[in-house]
Protein backbone atom coordinates (compact mmCIF):
# COMPACT_ATOMS: atom_id res chain seq x y z
CA UNK A 1 22.13 -66.97 -62.83
CA UNK A 2 23.16 -63.47 -62.48
CA UNK A 3 23.85 -61.72 -58.88
CA UNK A 4 24.33 -57.75 -58.55
CA UNK A 5 25.47 -55.88 -55.20
CA UNK A 6 24.40 -52.43 -54.81
CA UNK A 7 26.80 -49.74 -53.45
CA UNK A 8 26.97 -46.27 -53.57
CA UNK A 9 27.87 -44.83 -57.10
CA UNK A 10 29.10 -48.60 -58.00
CA UNK A 11 27.78 -51.44 -59.51
CA UNK A 12 29.17 -54.89 -59.54
CA UNK A 13 27.90 -57.71 -61.55
CA UNK A 14 28.94 -61.33 -61.20
CA UNK A 15 27.68 -64.16 -63.14
CA UNK A 16 27.65 -68.01 -62.57
CA UNK A 17 28.32 -70.12 -65.59
CA UNK A 18 26.37 -73.42 -65.58
CA UNK A 19 24.56 -75.38 -67.89
CA UNK A 20 20.87 -75.58 -68.10
CA UNK A 21 18.47 -78.06 -69.84
CA UNK A 22 16.07 -77.89 -72.58
CA UNK A 23 13.31 -77.16 -70.11
CA UNK A 24 14.94 -73.81 -69.03
CA UNK A 25 15.37 -72.96 -72.46
CA UNK A 26 11.77 -73.35 -73.00
CA UNK A 27 10.94 -71.14 -70.10
CA UNK A 28 13.55 -68.33 -71.11
CA UNK A 29 12.54 -68.07 -74.75
CA UNK A 30 9.14 -66.45 -74.63
CA UNK A 31 9.71 -62.90 -74.27
CA UNK A 32 7.16 -60.04 -74.57
CA UNK A 33 9.95 -57.81 -76.51
CA UNK A 34 12.27 -58.55 -79.14
CA UNK A 35 15.98 -58.56 -78.57
CA UNK A 36 16.45 -55.63 -81.02
CA UNK A 37 13.41 -53.77 -79.72
CA UNK A 38 14.46 -54.20 -76.29
CA UNK A 39 17.88 -52.74 -77.10
CA UNK A 40 16.37 -49.82 -79.11
CA UNK A 41 14.14 -48.94 -75.89
CA UNK A 42 16.94 -49.39 -73.69
CA UNK A 43 19.18 -47.17 -75.68
CA UNK A 44 16.44 -44.44 -75.91
CA UNK A 45 15.76 -44.76 -72.25
CA UNK A 46 19.21 -44.93 -70.82
CA UNK A 47 20.80 -42.42 -73.50
CA UNK A 48 20.99 -39.16 -71.54
CA UNK A 49 23.02 -35.96 -72.04
CA UNK A 50 25.66 -35.06 -69.75
CA UNK A 51 24.15 -32.28 -66.98
CA UNK A 52 25.63 -29.12 -67.72
CA UNK A 53 23.48 -26.92 -65.38
CA UNK A 54 21.20 -27.09 -62.42
CA UNK A 55 17.94 -27.54 -64.53
CA UNK A 56 19.45 -30.82 -66.01
CA UNK A 57 20.34 -31.89 -62.52
CA UNK A 58 16.92 -31.35 -61.09
CA UNK A 59 15.26 -33.23 -64.23
CA UNK A 60 17.67 -35.99 -63.85
CA UNK A 61 16.74 -36.08 -59.95
CA UNK A 62 13.24 -35.87 -60.94
CA UNK A 63 13.52 -39.12 -63.09
CA UNK A 64 15.38 -40.94 -60.69
CA UNK A 65 12.71 -39.71 -58.07
CA UNK A 66 10.16 -41.40 -59.94
CA UNK A 67 11.86 -44.77 -60.57
CA UNK A 68 14.48 -45.38 -58.05
CA UNK A 69 17.97 -46.71 -58.72
CA UNK A 70 17.33 -49.93 -57.26
CA UNK A 71 14.29 -50.52 -59.62
CA UNK A 72 16.16 -49.65 -62.94
CA UNK A 73 19.24 -51.86 -61.76
CA UNK A 74 16.94 -54.80 -60.89
CA UNK A 75 15.18 -54.56 -64.17
CA UNK A 76 18.04 -54.26 -66.03
CA UNK A 77 19.73 -57.32 -64.22
CA UNK A 78 16.47 -59.36 -64.82
CA UNK A 79 16.61 -58.55 -68.51
CA UNK A 80 20.41 -59.27 -68.78
CA UNK A 81 20.04 -62.53 -66.78
CA UNK A 82 17.17 -63.50 -69.24
CA UNK A 83 19.37 -62.93 -72.07
CA UNK A 84 22.21 -64.85 -70.76
CA UNK A 85 19.93 -67.78 -69.89
CA UNK A 86 18.68 -67.77 -73.54
CA UNK A 87 21.98 -67.67 -75.22
CA UNK A 88 22.99 -70.63 -73.14
CA UNK A 89 19.83 -72.68 -73.60
CA UNK A 90 20.25 -72.01 -77.36
CA UNK A 91 23.87 -73.35 -77.21
CA UNK A 92 22.80 -76.35 -75.24
CA UNK A 93 19.98 -77.06 -77.63
CA UNK A 94 21.80 -76.72 -80.60
CA UNK A 95 24.61 -79.01 -79.28
CA UNK A 96 21.72 -81.46 -78.29
CA UNK A 97 20.31 -80.92 -81.98
CA UNK A 98 23.79 -81.57 -83.58
CA UNK A 99 24.23 -84.88 -81.53
CA UNK A 100 20.79 -86.27 -82.31
CA UNK A 101 21.36 -85.37 -86.03
CA UNK A 102 24.65 -87.27 -86.02
CA UNK A 103 22.91 -90.34 -84.02
CA UNK A 104 20.15 -90.41 -86.76
CA UNK A 105 22.44 -89.98 -89.52
CA UNK A 106 24.52 -92.93 -88.00
CA UNK A 107 21.35 -95.40 -87.26
CA UNK A 108 19.31 -94.41 -90.30
CA UNK A 109 21.91 -94.15 -93.05
CA UNK A 110 20.26 -97.11 -94.97
CA UNK A 111 16.76 -95.54 -94.92
CA UNK A 112 16.27 -93.08 -97.64
CA UNK A 113 13.14 -91.88 -96.59
CA UNK A 114 14.07 -91.44 -92.96
CA UNK A 115 17.28 -89.73 -94.22
CA UNK A 116 15.20 -87.31 -96.23
CA UNK A 117 12.85 -86.40 -93.41
CA UNK A 118 15.90 -85.86 -90.93
CA UNK A 119 17.54 -84.09 -93.75
CA UNK A 120 14.47 -81.97 -93.70
CA UNK A 121 14.78 -81.52 -90.12
CA UNK A 122 18.39 -80.98 -90.20
CA UNK A 123 17.95 -78.04 -92.64
CA UNK A 124 15.31 -76.76 -90.30
CA UNK A 125 17.46 -77.09 -87.23
CA UNK A 126 20.40 -75.43 -89.35
CA UNK A 127 18.05 -72.58 -90.12
CA UNK A 128 17.17 -72.50 -86.28
CA UNK A 129 20.83 -72.53 -85.41
CA UNK A 130 21.41 -69.88 -87.83
CA UNK A 131 18.54 -67.71 -86.16
CA UNK A 132 19.93 -68.57 -82.60
CA UNK A 133 23.28 -67.41 -83.66
CA UNK A 134 22.14 -64.25 -84.91
CA UNK A 135 20.07 -63.76 -81.62
CA UNK A 136 23.15 -64.59 -79.66
CA UNK A 137 25.20 -62.08 -81.79
CA UNK A 138 22.51 -59.57 -81.09
CA UNK A 139 22.39 -60.42 -77.48
CA UNK A 140 26.21 -60.24 -77.35
CA UNK A 141 26.12 -56.67 -78.65
CA UNK A 142 23.00 -55.72 -76.45
CA UNK A 143 25.21 -56.85 -73.51
CA UNK A 144 28.08 -54.58 -74.80
CA UNK A 145 25.47 -51.77 -74.96
CA UNK A 146 24.20 -52.26 -71.64
CA UNK A 147 27.70 -52.64 -70.12
CA UNK A 148 28.61 -49.00 -71.83
CA UNK A 149 24.94 -47.90 -70.60
CA UNK A 150 25.92 -48.99 -67.02
CA UNK A 151 29.10 -47.65 -67.26
CA UNK A 152 27.85 -44.32 -68.57
CA UNK A 153 25.43 -44.27 -65.95
CA UNK A 154 28.05 -45.00 -63.11
CA UNK A 155 30.18 -41.90 -64.72
CA UNK A 156 27.06 -39.74 -64.80
CA UNK A 157 25.98 -40.95 -61.42
CA UNK A 158 29.44 -39.88 -59.95
CA UNK A 159 29.65 -36.55 -61.67
CA UNK A 160 25.81 -36.08 -60.35
CA UNK A 161 27.04 -36.63 -56.88
CA UNK A 162 30.21 -34.41 -57.16
CA UNK A 163 27.90 -31.62 -58.64
CA UNK A 164 25.53 -32.43 -55.75
CA UNK A 165 28.01 -32.34 -53.12
CA UNK A 166 29.40 -28.93 -54.58
CA UNK A 167 26.12 -27.27 -54.69
CA UNK A 168 25.24 -28.62 -51.19
CA UNK A 169 28.53 -26.90 -49.89
CA UNK A 170 27.64 -23.64 -51.87
CA UNK A 171 24.17 -23.64 -50.49
CA UNK A 172 25.50 -24.37 -46.66
CA UNK A 173 28.07 -21.30 -47.45
CA UNK A 174 25.26 -19.29 -49.18
CA UNK A 175 22.70 -20.27 -46.00
CA UNK A 176 25.51 -19.28 -43.58
CA UNK A 177 26.33 -16.06 -45.11
CA UNK A 178 22.50 -15.30 -45.52
CA UNK A 179 22.03 -16.23 -41.88
CA UNK A 180 24.88 -13.89 -40.93
CA UNK A 181 23.41 -11.02 -43.03
CA UNK A 182 19.70 -11.82 -41.56
CA UNK A 183 21.27 -11.63 -38.02
CA UNK A 184 22.96 -8.36 -38.73
CA UNK A 185 20.10 -6.69 -40.42
CA UNK A 186 17.98 -7.66 -37.71
CA UNK A 187 20.15 -6.23 -35.31
CA UNK A 188 20.28 -3.02 -37.53
CA UNK A 189 16.44 -3.10 -37.52
CA UNK A 190 16.28 -3.17 -33.74
CA UNK A 191 18.68 -0.27 -33.15
CA UNK A 192 16.78 1.88 -35.84
CA UNK A 193 13.37 1.18 -34.04
CA UNK A 194 15.11 1.96 -30.82
CA UNK A 195 16.24 5.20 -32.35
CA UNK A 196 13.07 5.77 -33.98
CA UNK A 197 11.27 5.34 -30.54
CA UNK A 198 13.68 7.97 -28.98
CA UNK A 199 13.45 10.36 -32.12
CA UNK A 200 9.50 9.96 -31.58
CA UNK A 201 9.50 10.82 -27.77
CA UNK A 202 12.00 13.71 -28.63
CA UNK A 203 9.72 14.89 -31.47
CA UNK A 204 6.25 14.66 -29.07
CA UNK A 205 8.39 16.62 -26.40
CA UNK A 206 9.35 19.31 -28.87
CA UNK A 207 5.85 19.40 -30.32
CA UNK A 208 4.54 19.92 -26.83
CA UNK A 209 7.24 22.59 -26.02
CA UNK A 210 6.29 24.42 -29.43
CA UNK A 211 2.66 24.35 -28.66
CA UNK A 212 3.17 25.86 -25.12
CA UNK A 213 5.51 28.51 -26.51
CA UNK A 214 3.01 29.35 -29.46
CA UNK A 215 0.48 29.86 -26.84
CA UNK A 216 2.46 31.96 -24.78
CA UNK A 217 3.61 34.01 -27.78
CA UNK A 218 -0.17 34.48 -28.62
CA UNK A 219 -0.83 35.63 -25.06
CA UNK A 220 2.08 38.01 -24.98
CA UNK A 221 0.83 39.45 -28.41
CA UNK A 222 -2.66 39.83 -27.03
CA UNK A 223 -1.49 41.48 -23.85
CA UNK A 224 1.07 43.78 -25.54
CA UNK A 225 -1.02 44.51 -28.79
CA UNK A 226 -2.08 47.96 -27.38
CA UNK A 227 1.48 48.76 -26.35
CA UNK A 228 2.83 47.95 -29.96
CA UNK A 229 0.16 50.02 -31.61
CA UNK A 230 0.99 52.86 -29.34
CA UNK A 231 4.68 52.63 -30.06
CA UNK A 232 3.92 52.37 -33.57
CA UNK A 233 2.00 55.31 -33.71
CA UNK A 234 4.81 57.24 -32.03
CA UNK A 235 7.35 56.02 -34.32
CA UNK A 236 5.09 57.16 -37.30
CA UNK A 237 4.85 60.56 -35.51
CA UNK A 238 8.65 60.58 -34.77
CA UNK A 239 9.30 59.66 -38.52
CA UNK A 240 7.21 62.64 -39.64
CA UNK A 241 9.07 65.00 -37.32
CA UNK A 242 12.37 63.77 -38.40
CA UNK A 243 11.30 64.29 -42.14
CA UNK A 244 10.23 67.90 -41.02
CA UNK A 245 13.62 68.66 -39.09
CA UNK A 246 15.53 67.44 -41.98
CA UNK A 247 13.61 69.67 -44.47
CA UNK A 248 14.42 72.50 -41.91
CA UNK A 249 18.05 71.54 -41.59
CA UNK A 250 18.42 71.85 -45.24
CA UNK A 251 16.74 75.17 -45.52
CA UNK A 252 18.81 76.26 -42.72
CA UNK A 253 22.03 75.22 -44.51
CA UNK A 254 20.82 76.81 -47.87
CA UNK A 255 20.46 80.20 -45.74
CA UNK A 256 23.94 79.66 -44.00
CA UNK A 257 25.49 79.04 -47.20
CA UNK A 258 24.07 82.18 -48.47
CA UNK A 259 25.18 84.24 -45.41
CA UNK A 260 28.87 82.72 -45.93
CA UNK A 261 28.87 84.00 -49.39
CA UNK A 262 27.84 87.44 -48.34
CA UNK A 263 30.32 87.51 -45.61
CA UNK A 264 33.10 86.23 -47.91
CA UNK A 265 32.15 89.48 -50.37
CA UNK A 266 32.03 91.96 -47.18
CA UNK A 267 35.62 90.33 -46.27
CA UNK A 268 36.84 90.89 -49.48
CA UNK A 269 35.79 94.68 -49.63
CA UNK A 270 37.12 95.26 -46.17
CA UNK A 271 40.66 93.86 -46.80
CA UNK A 272 40.47 96.23 -50.31
CA UNK A 273 39.78 99.09 -47.89
CA UNK A 274 42.39 98.17 -45.26
CA UNK A 275 44.93 98.05 -47.98
CA UNK A 276 44.34 101.47 -49.17
CA UNK A 277 44.26 102.87 -45.87
CA UNK A 278 47.68 100.96 -45.31
CA UNK A 279 49.25 102.57 -48.48
CA UNK A 280 48.08 106.40 -47.52
CA UNK A 281 49.73 105.56 -44.07
CA UNK A 282 52.76 104.40 -45.99
CA UNK A 283 52.90 107.07 -47.91
CA UNK A 284 52.72 109.72 -45.03
CA UNK A 285 55.53 107.69 -42.89
CA UNK A 286 57.63 107.85 -46.28
CA UNK A 287 57.70 111.50 -46.29
CA UNK A 288 58.24 111.66 -42.54
CA UNK A 289 61.44 109.51 -42.33
CA UNK A 290 63.08 110.81 -45.60
CA UNK A 291 65.64 113.26 -43.70
CA UNK A 292 67.23 109.83 -42.19
CA UNK A 293 70.10 109.00 -44.69
CA UNK A 294 67.81 109.29 -47.65
CA UNK A 295 66.39 105.60 -46.67
CA UNK A 296 63.09 105.05 -47.76
CA UNK A 297 61.14 102.13 -46.51
CA UNK A 298 58.59 100.55 -48.76
CA UNK A 299 55.84 98.76 -47.50
CA UNK A 300 55.26 94.92 -48.40
CA UNK A 301 51.84 94.15 -48.05
CA UNK A 302 50.74 90.66 -47.77
CA UNK A 303 47.03 89.68 -47.83
CA UNK A 304 46.20 86.50 -46.00
CA UNK A 305 42.97 84.50 -45.71
CA UNK A 306 42.75 82.31 -42.70
CA UNK A 307 40.44 79.46 -43.70
CA UNK A 308 40.91 77.71 -40.30
CA UNK A 309 37.97 78.73 -37.91
CA UNK A 310 36.28 81.06 -40.41
CA UNK A 311 37.94 84.18 -39.06
CA UNK A 312 38.53 86.14 -42.32
CA UNK A 313 41.64 87.74 -43.44
CA UNK A 314 44.80 89.43 -41.94
CA UNK A 315 46.72 92.15 -43.48
CA UNK A 316 50.25 92.53 -42.66
CA UNK A 317 52.75 95.36 -43.98
CA UNK A 318 56.64 95.03 -43.66
CA UNK A 319 58.86 97.84 -44.04
CA UNK A 320 62.13 96.99 -45.92
CA UNK A 321 64.89 99.88 -46.57
CA UNK A 322 65.52 101.16 -50.09
CA UNK A 323 69.32 102.63 -50.54
CA UNK A 324 69.64 105.69 -52.56
CA UNK A 325 72.56 106.04 -54.96
CA UNK A 326 75.77 107.19 -53.10
CA UNK A 327 74.43 106.22 -49.43
CA UNK A 328 76.78 104.15 -47.52
CA UNK A 329 75.26 100.76 -46.21
CA UNK A 330 74.41 100.50 -42.45
CA UNK A 331 75.87 98.27 -40.09
CA UNK A 332 74.35 94.87 -39.65
CA UNK A 333 72.79 95.86 -36.40
CA UNK A 334 71.22 99.10 -37.78
CA UNK A 335 70.10 97.34 -40.79
CA UNK A 336 68.36 94.46 -38.68
CA UNK A 337 66.85 97.14 -36.41
CA UNK A 338 65.62 99.36 -39.10
CA UNK A 339 64.61 96.67 -41.58
CA UNK A 340 62.23 94.85 -38.65
CA UNK A 341 59.56 97.45 -38.77
CA UNK A 342 56.12 95.85 -39.26
CA UNK A 343 52.55 96.92 -39.45
CA UNK A 344 49.95 94.26 -39.14
CA UNK A 345 46.33 94.39 -39.05
CA UNK A 346 44.21 91.54 -38.28
CA UNK A 347 40.45 91.52 -37.95
CA UNK A 348 40.17 95.31 -38.13
CA UNK A 349 42.86 96.30 -35.78
CA UNK A 350 45.59 98.96 -37.04
CA UNK A 351 49.24 98.84 -35.83
């Protein structure tokens, strides 16, 4: 018989070797599925691809959910125990048949007919023995395949367990980080809501103040509309007067410019007249003072126009001594005294 113990991610098989009789062989021989068919079916059932992603893990977990590990291992153990019993029963039956054949050959060696009968039976038994030997070989191969499948399942189960632990750790970390992010977002949302409420209250207050100011503005406009209209009329009138005044000022400036031109022409004529008069007076003085050492003082006429203040021109005459040939030089004091004679006429005043 075969016993198994199930531990997490570990399977341990134990086999107790004992001999069973022909009756056990007769019970164990009937089987619903042949050994080769069972092996191919088990190979198809137990051959999986290694999980490389979360989808394969989910598929494998779904399969394991539909059929629990305990049921799978129980079925495998039952089938394996049946094949072991079958092989042992066949071996025992083979040995019994060989013993019976030897006994028959010894007891019935003299009887040809009986010998032929047993010979035929012996041939049948030999064919049966060969068949049982082939089945034994196939059972051994299936046993090896089952061991490989079990080992493969054990390794895959360990890999899946490690992957599950890693995924659970990742999910735990992600859940913690998401929880922290959710708490932070909730706090931010609460703060934004408080700020929104405050801003809403401020907005309502400002709207009320705006409406009040609008009403006051409209009332003020209604009250001062007449004053505004009157002031606007006054402004328009003053603008018209200002335009008229500017036009009059421009006209007066043109008249003033014409008067300045006339005045300048008159001033030039007056200056020419004064210069002629000074020239006559100079000739008279020249003859009057000719007896003094034959010194002749010639006038130096300077015509100046005073632009600053617009007072017109001034006429100045400076007397300078002219020495005749043979006249002695005067002393510096006399020369200074006689040379400082001037005649200036400013603004129509004779000197």
